[in-house]
């Protein structure tokens, strides 16, 4: 029977090794992941004027590992379900918008949102999951390149 003992010497600390590969908290690898998630999500985010799709750039702390789409309607757009109760409001030109009664709590109405896909043909609910299905390997490859200094 053969047996042996070995010791491995690794110079520097764990923090030094993480920094060497840009893997420290908020480091270049996390920054590129956050940026690419936002970039790759853009075609999947519902777009009327582009406010929602661009809002993530200002609301996300790049390097935090959390992408944020702010605004009162982002949640409803993401999950793709109509919430109510809503009442129609007609303006002077006859355009109708919908608002909830002040003080009422919105609840799922059991109807799916209908997305306009004229500007973003891939627009729809759960845009992060759908983007990830299409681009996860692209993001991993870009993060790998940053970690290896390429």
N, C-alpha and C. Protein backbone atom coordinates (compact mmCIF):
# COMPACT_ATOMS: atom_id res chain seq x y z
N UNK A 1 0.85 -1.16 0.00
CA UNK A 1 0.00 0.00 0.00
C UNK A 1 0.90 1.23 0.00
N UNK A 2 0.55 2.17 -0.84
CA UNK A 2 1.31 3.40 -0.96
C UNK A 2 0.55 4.51 -0.27
N UNK A 3 1.23 5.25 0.55
CA UNK A 3 0.59 6.42 1.17
C UNK A 3 1.62 7.54 1.23
N UNK A 4 1.13 8.74 1.20
CA UNK A 4 2.03 9.88 1.30
C UNK A 4 1.25 11.08 1.80
N UNK A 5 1.98 12.02 2.33
CA UNK A 5 1.43 13.29 2.79
C UNK A 5 2.00 14.39 1.93
N UNK A 6 1.22 15.38 1.69
CA UNK A 6 1.72 16.50 0.91
C UNK A 6 1.19 17.80 1.48
N UNK A 7 1.93 18.85 1.27
CA UNK A 7 1.51 20.18 1.67
C UNK A 7 1.56 21.06 0.42
N UNK A 8 0.52 21.83 0.26
CA UNK A 8 0.47 22.75 -0.87
C UNK A 8 0.66 24.16 -0.33
N UNK A 9 1.59 24.87 -0.90
CA UNK A 9 1.82 26.25 -0.49
C UNK A 9 1.26 27.16 -1.57
N UNK A 10 0.35 28.01 -1.17
CA UNK A 10 -0.23 28.97 -2.10
C UNK A 10 0.13 30.36 -1.60
N UNK A 11 0.93 31.07 -2.37
CA UNK A 11 1.33 32.39 -1.92
C UNK A 11 0.15 33.36 -1.93
N UNK A 12 0.11 34.23 -0.96
CA UNK A 12 -0.93 35.24 -0.89
C UNK A 12 -2.19 34.71 -0.23
N UNK A 13 -3.08 35.61 0.01
CA UNK A 13 -4.33 35.27 0.67
C UNK A 13 -5.41 34.94 -0.36
N UNK A 14 -6.53 34.48 0.13
CA UNK A 14 -7.67 34.22 -0.74
C UNK A 14 -8.09 35.53 -1.42
N UNK A 15 -8.08 36.61 -0.68
CA UNK A 15 -8.44 37.91 -1.25
C UNK A 15 -7.51 38.29 -2.39
N UNK A 16 -6.21 37.99 -2.24
CA UNK A 16 -5.25 38.27 -3.30
C UNK A 16 -5.56 37.45 -4.55
N UNK A 17 -5.90 36.18 -4.36
CA UNK A 17 -6.21 35.32 -5.49
C UNK A 17 -7.49 35.78 -6.19
N UNK A 18 -8.50 36.16 -5.42
CA UNK A 18 -9.73 36.66 -6.03
C UNK A 18 -9.46 37.93 -6.83
N UNK A 19 -8.66 38.82 -6.25
CA UNK A 19 -8.33 40.07 -6.94
C UNK A 19 -7.53 39.81 -8.22
N UNK A 20 -6.65 38.82 -8.19
CA UNK A 20 -5.83 38.49 -9.36
C UNK A 20 -6.70 38.15 -10.57
N UNK A 21 -7.86 37.53 -10.30
CA UNK A 21 -8.76 37.14 -11.38
C UNK A 21 -9.99 38.05 -11.46
N UNK A 22 -9.92 39.22 -10.83
CA UNK A 22 -11.01 40.21 -10.86
C UNK A 22 -12.32 39.66 -10.30
N UNK A 23 -12.21 38.76 -9.33
CA UNK A 23 -13.39 38.11 -8.76
C UNK A 23 -13.80 38.67 -7.40
N UNK A 24 -13.14 39.74 -6.96
CA UNK A 24 -13.51 40.30 -5.67
C UNK A 24 -14.92 40.89 -5.75
N UNK A 25 -15.53 41.10 -4.58
CA UNK A 25 -16.88 41.66 -4.52
C UNK A 25 -16.89 43.01 -5.25
N UNK A 26 -17.80 43.13 -6.21
CA UNK A 26 -17.90 44.36 -6.99
C UNK A 26 -16.80 44.51 -8.02
N UNK A 27 -16.02 43.45 -8.24
CA UNK A 27 -14.88 43.50 -9.16
C UNK A 27 -15.30 43.51 -10.62
N UNK A 28 -14.31 43.51 -11.48
CA UNK A 28 -14.55 43.62 -12.92
C UNK A 28 -15.43 42.51 -13.48
N UNK A 29 -15.29 41.30 -12.95
CA UNK A 29 -16.11 40.20 -13.45
C UNK A 29 -17.58 40.45 -13.12
N UNK A 30 -17.87 40.84 -11.88
CA UNK A 30 -19.27 41.12 -11.52
C UNK A 30 -19.79 42.32 -12.30
N UNK A 31 -18.94 43.30 -12.52
CA UNK A 31 -19.36 44.48 -13.28
C UNK A 31 -19.74 44.10 -14.72
N UNK A 32 -18.94 43.26 -15.35
CA UNK A 32 -19.24 42.88 -16.73
C UNK A 32 -20.50 42.03 -16.78
N UNK A 33 -20.70 41.18 -15.78
CA UNK A 33 -21.93 40.38 -15.74
C UNK A 33 -23.14 41.30 -15.63
N UNK A 34 -23.10 42.25 -14.70
CA UNK A 34 -24.23 43.18 -14.53
C UNK A 34 -24.50 43.97 -15.80
N UNK A 35 -23.45 44.50 -16.42
CA UNK A 35 -23.63 45.29 -17.64
C UNK A 35 -24.20 44.45 -18.77
N UNK A 36 -23.69 43.24 -18.94
CA UNK A 36 -24.15 42.40 -20.03
C UNK A 36 -25.58 41.91 -19.80
N UNK A 37 -25.95 41.65 -18.56
CA UNK A 37 -27.34 41.28 -18.29
C UNK A 37 -28.27 42.39 -18.76
N UNK A 38 -27.95 43.64 -18.42
CA UNK A 38 -28.79 44.77 -18.85
C UNK A 38 -28.78 44.88 -20.37
N UNK A 39 -27.60 44.82 -20.97
CA UNK A 39 -27.49 44.93 -22.43
C UNK A 39 -28.29 43.84 -23.14
N UNK A 40 -28.09 42.60 -22.72
CA UNK A 40 -28.77 41.49 -23.39
C UNK A 40 -30.28 41.48 -23.12
N UNK A 41 -30.72 42.07 -22.00
CA UNK A 41 -32.16 42.12 -21.69
C UNK A 41 -32.91 43.14 -22.55
N UNK A 42 -32.22 44.15 -23.05
CA UNK A 42 -32.90 45.24 -23.75
C UNK A 42 -33.91 44.77 -24.81
N UNK A 43 -33.60 43.85 -25.70
CA UNK A 43 -34.60 43.46 -26.70
C UNK A 43 -35.80 42.71 -26.13
N UNK A 44 -35.69 42.24 -24.88
CA UNK A 44 -36.75 41.45 -24.26
C UNK A 44 -37.67 42.30 -23.39
N UNK A 45 -37.23 43.52 -23.07
CA UNK A 45 -38.00 44.42 -22.20
C UNK A 45 -39.06 45.14 -23.03
N UNK A 46 -40.30 45.17 -22.53
CA UNK A 46 -41.34 45.90 -23.25
C UNK A 46 -40.91 47.35 -23.48
N UNK A 47 -41.21 47.86 -24.69
CA UNK A 47 -40.74 49.20 -25.04
C UNK A 47 -41.85 49.99 -25.71
N UNK A 48 -42.14 51.13 -25.12
CA UNK A 48 -43.03 52.09 -25.77
C UNK A 48 -42.21 53.31 -26.15
N UNK A 49 -41.50 53.87 -25.14
CA UNK A 49 -40.60 55.00 -25.40
C UNK A 49 -39.18 54.67 -24.96
N UNK A 50 -38.95 53.52 -24.35
CA UNK A 50 -37.62 53.10 -23.94
C UNK A 50 -37.27 53.42 -22.51
N UNK A 51 -38.21 53.98 -21.75
CA UNK A 51 -37.92 54.36 -20.37
C UNK A 51 -37.61 53.14 -19.52
N UNK A 52 -38.43 52.11 -19.61
CA UNK A 52 -38.22 50.91 -18.78
C UNK A 52 -36.91 50.22 -19.14
N UNK A 53 -36.64 50.02 -20.42
CA UNK A 53 -35.44 49.29 -20.81
C UNK A 53 -34.17 50.05 -20.42
N UNK A 54 -34.21 51.38 -20.44
CA UNK A 54 -33.03 52.17 -20.09
C UNK A 54 -32.92 52.43 -18.58
N UNK A 55 -34.01 52.26 -17.84
CA UNK A 55 -34.01 52.58 -16.41
C UNK A 55 -33.04 51.73 -15.62
N UNK A 56 -32.77 50.52 -16.08
CA UNK A 56 -31.86 49.63 -15.35
C UNK A 56 -30.44 50.19 -15.29
N UNK A 57 -30.04 50.95 -16.31
CA UNK A 57 -28.69 51.52 -16.30
C UNK A 57 -28.51 52.51 -15.15
N UNK A 58 -29.52 53.30 -14.86
CA UNK A 58 -29.42 54.29 -13.79
C UNK A 58 -29.73 53.73 -12.42
N UNK A 59 -30.58 52.70 -12.35
CA UNK A 59 -31.02 52.19 -11.05
C UNK A 59 -30.13 51.07 -10.51
N UNK A 60 -29.34 50.46 -11.37
CA UNK A 60 -28.50 49.34 -10.95
C UNK A 60 -27.13 49.84 -10.53
N UNK A 61 -26.68 49.37 -9.38
CA UNK A 61 -25.31 49.65 -8.96
C UNK A 61 -24.46 48.57 -9.62
N UNK A 62 -23.79 48.95 -10.71
CA UNK A 62 -23.01 47.98 -11.47
C UNK A 62 -21.92 47.39 -10.58
N UNK A 63 -21.90 46.08 -10.51
CA UNK A 63 -20.96 45.36 -9.65
C UNK A 63 -21.63 44.79 -8.41
N UNK A 64 -22.89 45.14 -8.19
CA UNK A 64 -23.60 44.67 -7.00
C UNK A 64 -24.15 43.26 -7.16
N UNK A 65 -24.31 42.81 -8.40
CA UNK A 65 -24.88 41.50 -8.64
C UNK A 65 -26.40 41.51 -8.68
N UNK A 66 -26.99 42.70 -8.63
CA UNK A 66 -28.45 42.83 -8.67
C UNK A 66 -28.83 43.89 -9.70
N UNK A 67 -29.59 43.48 -10.70
CA UNK A 67 -30.07 44.41 -11.72
C UNK A 67 -31.46 44.87 -11.32
N UNK A 68 -31.67 46.20 -11.36
CA UNK A 68 -32.93 46.78 -10.88
C UNK A 68 -33.62 47.51 -12.02
N UNK A 69 -34.89 47.20 -12.20
CA UNK A 69 -35.77 47.96 -13.09
C UNK A 69 -36.75 48.69 -12.17
N UNK A 70 -36.55 49.99 -11.96
CA UNK A 70 -37.39 50.71 -11.00
C UNK A 70 -38.72 51.14 -11.63
N UNK A 71 -39.53 51.75 -10.83
CA UNK A 71 -40.77 52.31 -11.33
C UNK A 71 -41.97 51.54 -10.86
N UNK A 72 -43.09 52.22 -10.77
CA UNK A 72 -44.29 51.58 -10.25
C UNK A 72 -44.85 50.50 -11.15
N UNK A 73 -44.54 50.52 -12.42
CA UNK A 73 -45.13 49.54 -13.33
C UNK A 73 -44.17 48.42 -13.72
N UNK A 74 -42.91 48.50 -13.34
CA UNK A 74 -41.93 47.48 -13.75
C UNK A 74 -42.34 46.09 -13.27
N UNK A 75 -42.83 45.99 -12.05
CA UNK A 75 -43.25 44.70 -11.49
C UNK A 75 -44.35 44.08 -12.34
N UNK A 76 -45.36 44.87 -12.70
CA UNK A 76 -46.48 44.35 -13.47
C UNK A 76 -46.03 43.94 -14.87
N UNK A 77 -45.16 44.75 -15.46
CA UNK A 77 -44.66 44.44 -16.80
C UNK A 77 -43.84 43.15 -16.77
N UNK A 78 -43.04 42.97 -15.71
CA UNK A 78 -42.18 41.80 -15.64
C UNK A 78 -43.01 40.52 -15.51
N UNK A 79 -43.98 40.53 -14.62
CA UNK A 79 -44.77 39.32 -14.37
C UNK A 79 -45.89 39.13 -15.39
N UNK A 80 -46.23 40.17 -16.15
CA UNK A 80 -47.14 40.03 -17.27
C UNK A 80 -48.59 39.79 -16.93
N UNK A 81 -49.00 40.25 -15.76
CA UNK A 81 -50.39 40.05 -15.37
C UNK A 81 -51.02 41.40 -15.06
N UNK A 82 -52.25 41.57 -15.53
CA UNK A 82 -53.00 42.79 -15.24
C UNK A 82 -53.37 42.78 -13.76
N UNK A 83 -53.16 43.92 -13.11
CA UNK A 83 -53.56 44.10 -11.71
C UNK A 83 -54.67 45.14 -11.68
N UNK A 84 -55.55 45.03 -10.75
CA UNK A 84 -56.65 45.98 -10.65
C UNK A 84 -57.17 46.03 -9.22
N UNK A 85 -58.27 46.66 -8.91
CA UNK A 85 -59.28 47.14 -9.85
C UNK A 85 -58.81 48.42 -10.54
N UNK A 86 -59.21 48.58 -11.79
CA UNK A 86 -58.87 49.75 -12.58
C UNK A 86 -60.14 50.40 -13.10
N UNK A 87 -60.08 51.72 -13.21
CA UNK A 87 -61.21 52.45 -13.77
C UNK A 87 -60.70 53.24 -14.97
N UNK A 88 -61.51 53.30 -16.05
CA UNK A 88 -61.06 54.03 -17.24
C UNK A 88 -61.16 55.53 -17.03
N UNK A 89 -60.16 56.25 -17.54
CA UNK A 89 -60.16 57.71 -17.51
C UNK A 89 -59.94 58.18 -18.94
N UNK A 90 -60.88 59.01 -19.43
CA UNK A 90 -60.81 59.50 -20.80
C UNK A 90 -60.36 60.95 -20.80
N UNK A 91 -59.36 61.28 -21.65
CA UNK A 91 -58.90 62.67 -21.73
C UNK A 91 -59.69 63.41 -22.81
N UNK A 92 -59.35 64.68 -23.03
CA UNK A 92 -60.10 65.55 -23.95
C UNK A 92 -60.07 65.02 -25.38
N UNK A 93 -59.01 64.31 -25.76
CA UNK A 93 -58.90 63.77 -27.12
C UNK A 93 -59.56 62.40 -27.26
N UNK A 94 -60.12 61.88 -26.20
CA UNK A 94 -60.78 60.58 -26.26
C UNK A 94 -59.87 59.41 -25.96
N UNK A 95 -58.62 59.68 -25.59
CA UNK A 95 -57.71 58.60 -25.21
C UNK A 95 -58.09 58.07 -23.84
N UNK A 96 -58.05 56.75 -23.70
CA UNK A 96 -58.43 56.13 -22.43
C UNK A 96 -57.19 55.55 -21.76
N UNK A 97 -57.02 55.90 -20.50
CA UNK A 97 -55.99 55.29 -19.66
C UNK A 97 -56.69 54.65 -18.48
N UNK A 98 -55.98 53.82 -17.78
CA UNK A 98 -56.58 53.11 -16.65
C UNK A 98 -55.84 53.45 -15.38
N UNK A 99 -56.58 53.68 -14.32
CA UNK A 99 -56.00 54.00 -13.02
C UNK A 99 -56.75 53.23 -11.95
N UNK A 100 -56.07 52.97 -10.85
CA UNK A 100 -56.73 52.37 -9.70
C UNK A 100 -57.31 53.47 -8.84
N UNK A 101 -58.34 53.12 -8.11
CA UNK A 101 -58.93 54.08 -7.18
C UNK A 101 -57.89 54.40 -6.11
N UNK A 102 -57.76 55.67 -5.73
CA UNK A 102 -56.80 56.03 -4.67
C UNK A 102 -57.08 55.24 -3.39
N UNK A 103 -56.02 54.70 -2.83
CA UNK A 103 -56.12 53.95 -1.58
C UNK A 103 -56.49 52.49 -1.74
N UNK A 104 -56.81 52.06 -2.95
CA UNK A 104 -57.16 50.65 -3.15
C UNK A 104 -55.89 49.85 -3.43
N UNK A 105 -55.87 48.65 -2.90
CA UNK A 105 -54.71 47.78 -3.11
C UNK A 105 -54.92 46.97 -4.38
N UNK A 106 -53.92 46.97 -5.24
CA UNK A 106 -54.04 46.22 -6.50
C UNK A 106 -53.88 44.73 -6.23
N UNK A 107 -54.64 43.96 -6.98
CA UNK A 107 -54.62 42.51 -6.90
C UNK A 107 -54.51 41.96 -8.32
N UNK A 108 -53.95 40.77 -8.49
CA UNK A 108 -53.93 40.16 -9.82
C UNK A 108 -55.36 40.00 -10.35
N UNK A 109 -55.57 40.36 -11.59
CA UNK A 109 -56.91 40.30 -12.18
C UNK A 109 -57.15 39.00 -12.94
N UNK A 110 -56.11 38.18 -13.08
CA UNK A 110 -56.29 36.91 -13.77
C UNK A 110 -56.21 37.02 -15.29
N UNK A 111 -55.74 38.16 -15.79
CA UNK A 111 -55.60 38.36 -17.24
C UNK A 111 -54.14 38.67 -17.55
N UNK A 112 -53.66 38.15 -18.66
CA UNK A 112 -52.29 38.43 -19.08
C UNK A 112 -52.22 39.80 -19.75
N UNK A 113 -51.08 40.49 -19.55
CA UNK A 113 -50.83 41.72 -20.27
C UNK A 113 -50.61 41.40 -21.74
N UNK A 114 -50.97 42.31 -22.59
CA UNK A 114 -50.70 42.19 -24.02
C UNK A 114 -49.56 43.16 -24.32
N UNK A 115 -48.46 42.66 -24.84
CA UNK A 115 -47.28 43.47 -25.10
C UNK A 115 -47.23 43.90 -26.56
N UNK A 116 -46.87 45.16 -26.76
CA UNK A 116 -46.63 45.67 -28.10
C UNK A 116 -45.21 45.25 -28.48
N UNK A 117 -45.07 44.55 -29.57
CA UNK A 117 -43.75 44.05 -29.99
C UNK A 117 -43.25 44.77 -31.24
N UNK A 118 -43.83 45.94 -31.54
CA UNK A 118 -43.39 46.69 -32.72
C UNK A 118 -41.94 47.14 -32.59
N UNK A 119 -41.55 47.65 -31.43
CA UNK A 119 -40.19 48.18 -31.24
C UNK A 119 -39.22 47.12 -30.72
N UNK A 120 -39.69 46.23 -29.89
CA UNK A 120 -38.88 45.12 -29.38
C UNK A 120 -39.64 43.83 -29.66
N UNK A 121 -39.34 43.17 -30.76
CA UNK A 121 -40.10 41.96 -31.12
C UNK A 121 -40.06 40.86 -30.07
N UNK A 122 -39.05 40.85 -29.21
CA UNK A 122 -38.95 39.81 -28.17
C UNK A 122 -39.58 40.25 -26.85
N UNK A 123 -40.19 41.43 -26.82
CA UNK A 123 -40.74 41.98 -25.57
C UNK A 123 -41.80 41.06 -24.98
N UNK A 124 -41.77 40.98 -23.66
CA UNK A 124 -42.76 40.18 -22.96
C UNK A 124 -42.38 40.02 -21.50
N UNK A 125 -43.15 39.22 -20.82
CA UNK A 125 -42.91 38.99 -19.40
C UNK A 125 -41.65 38.15 -19.18
N UNK A 126 -41.19 38.15 -17.95
CA UNK A 126 -40.03 37.35 -17.52
C UNK A 126 -38.85 37.52 -18.47
N UNK A 127 -38.54 38.78 -18.78
CA UNK A 127 -37.49 39.03 -19.78
C UNK A 127 -36.12 38.55 -19.34
N UNK A 128 -35.82 38.56 -18.05
CA UNK A 128 -34.51 38.07 -17.61
C UNK A 128 -34.37 36.57 -17.88
N UNK A 129 -35.38 35.79 -17.52
CA UNK A 129 -35.29 34.35 -17.73
C UNK A 129 -35.19 34.01 -19.22
N UNK A 130 -35.95 34.72 -20.05
CA UNK A 130 -35.90 34.46 -21.49
C UNK A 130 -34.56 34.87 -22.09
N UNK A 131 -34.02 36.01 -21.64
CA UNK A 131 -32.69 36.43 -22.09
C UNK A 131 -31.64 35.42 -21.67
N UNK A 132 -31.75 34.96 -20.43
CA UNK A 132 -30.76 34.01 -19.91
C UNK A 132 -30.77 32.71 -20.72
N UNK A 133 -31.94 32.26 -21.12
CA UNK A 133 -32.02 31.05 -21.93
C UNK A 133 -31.27 31.22 -23.25
N UNK A 134 -31.26 32.44 -23.77
CA UNK A 134 -30.60 32.71 -25.06
C UNK A 134 -29.13 33.13 -24.93
N UNK A 135 -28.76 33.77 -23.80
CA UNK A 135 -27.44 34.40 -23.73
C UNK A 135 -26.59 34.05 -22.51
N UNK A 136 -27.00 33.08 -21.72
CA UNK A 136 -26.21 32.74 -20.53
C UNK A 136 -24.77 32.39 -20.89
N UNK A 137 -24.58 31.57 -21.91
CA UNK A 137 -23.23 31.18 -22.28
C UNK A 137 -22.41 32.37 -22.78
N UNK A 138 -23.04 33.33 -23.44
CA UNK A 138 -22.34 34.54 -23.87
C UNK A 138 -21.82 35.32 -22.67
N UNK A 139 -22.67 35.45 -21.65
CA UNK A 139 -22.29 36.19 -20.45
C UNK A 139 -21.17 35.46 -19.71
N UNK A 140 -21.29 34.16 -19.60
CA UNK A 140 -20.24 33.37 -18.93
C UNK A 140 -18.91 33.52 -19.67
N UNK A 141 -18.94 33.47 -20.98
CA UNK A 141 -17.72 33.60 -21.78
C UNK A 141 -17.08 34.98 -21.58
N UNK A 142 -17.90 36.02 -21.57
CA UNK A 142 -17.36 37.38 -21.36
C UNK A 142 -16.77 37.52 -19.97
N UNK A 143 -17.44 36.95 -18.97
CA UNK A 143 -16.92 37.01 -17.60
C UNK A 143 -15.61 36.23 -17.50
N UNK A 144 -15.55 35.09 -18.15
CA UNK A 144 -14.32 34.29 -18.16
C UNK A 144 -13.17 35.07 -18.79
N UNK A 145 -13.44 35.75 -19.89
CA UNK A 145 -12.40 36.54 -20.55
C UNK A 145 -11.87 37.65 -19.65
N UNK A 146 -12.76 38.29 -18.91
CA UNK A 146 -12.33 39.34 -17.98
C UNK A 146 -11.49 38.74 -16.86
N UNK A 147 -11.94 37.59 -16.33
CA UNK A 147 -11.19 36.94 -15.25
C UNK A 147 -9.79 36.55 -15.70
N UNK A 148 -9.65 36.16 -16.95
CA UNK A 148 -8.35 35.71 -17.46
C UNK A 148 -7.55 36.85 -18.10
N UNK A 149 -8.11 38.05 -18.05
CA UNK A 149 -7.40 39.22 -18.58
C UNK A 149 -7.35 39.27 -20.08
N UNK A 150 -8.30 38.67 -20.74
CA UNK A 150 -8.32 38.64 -22.22
C UNK A 150 -9.19 39.72 -22.79
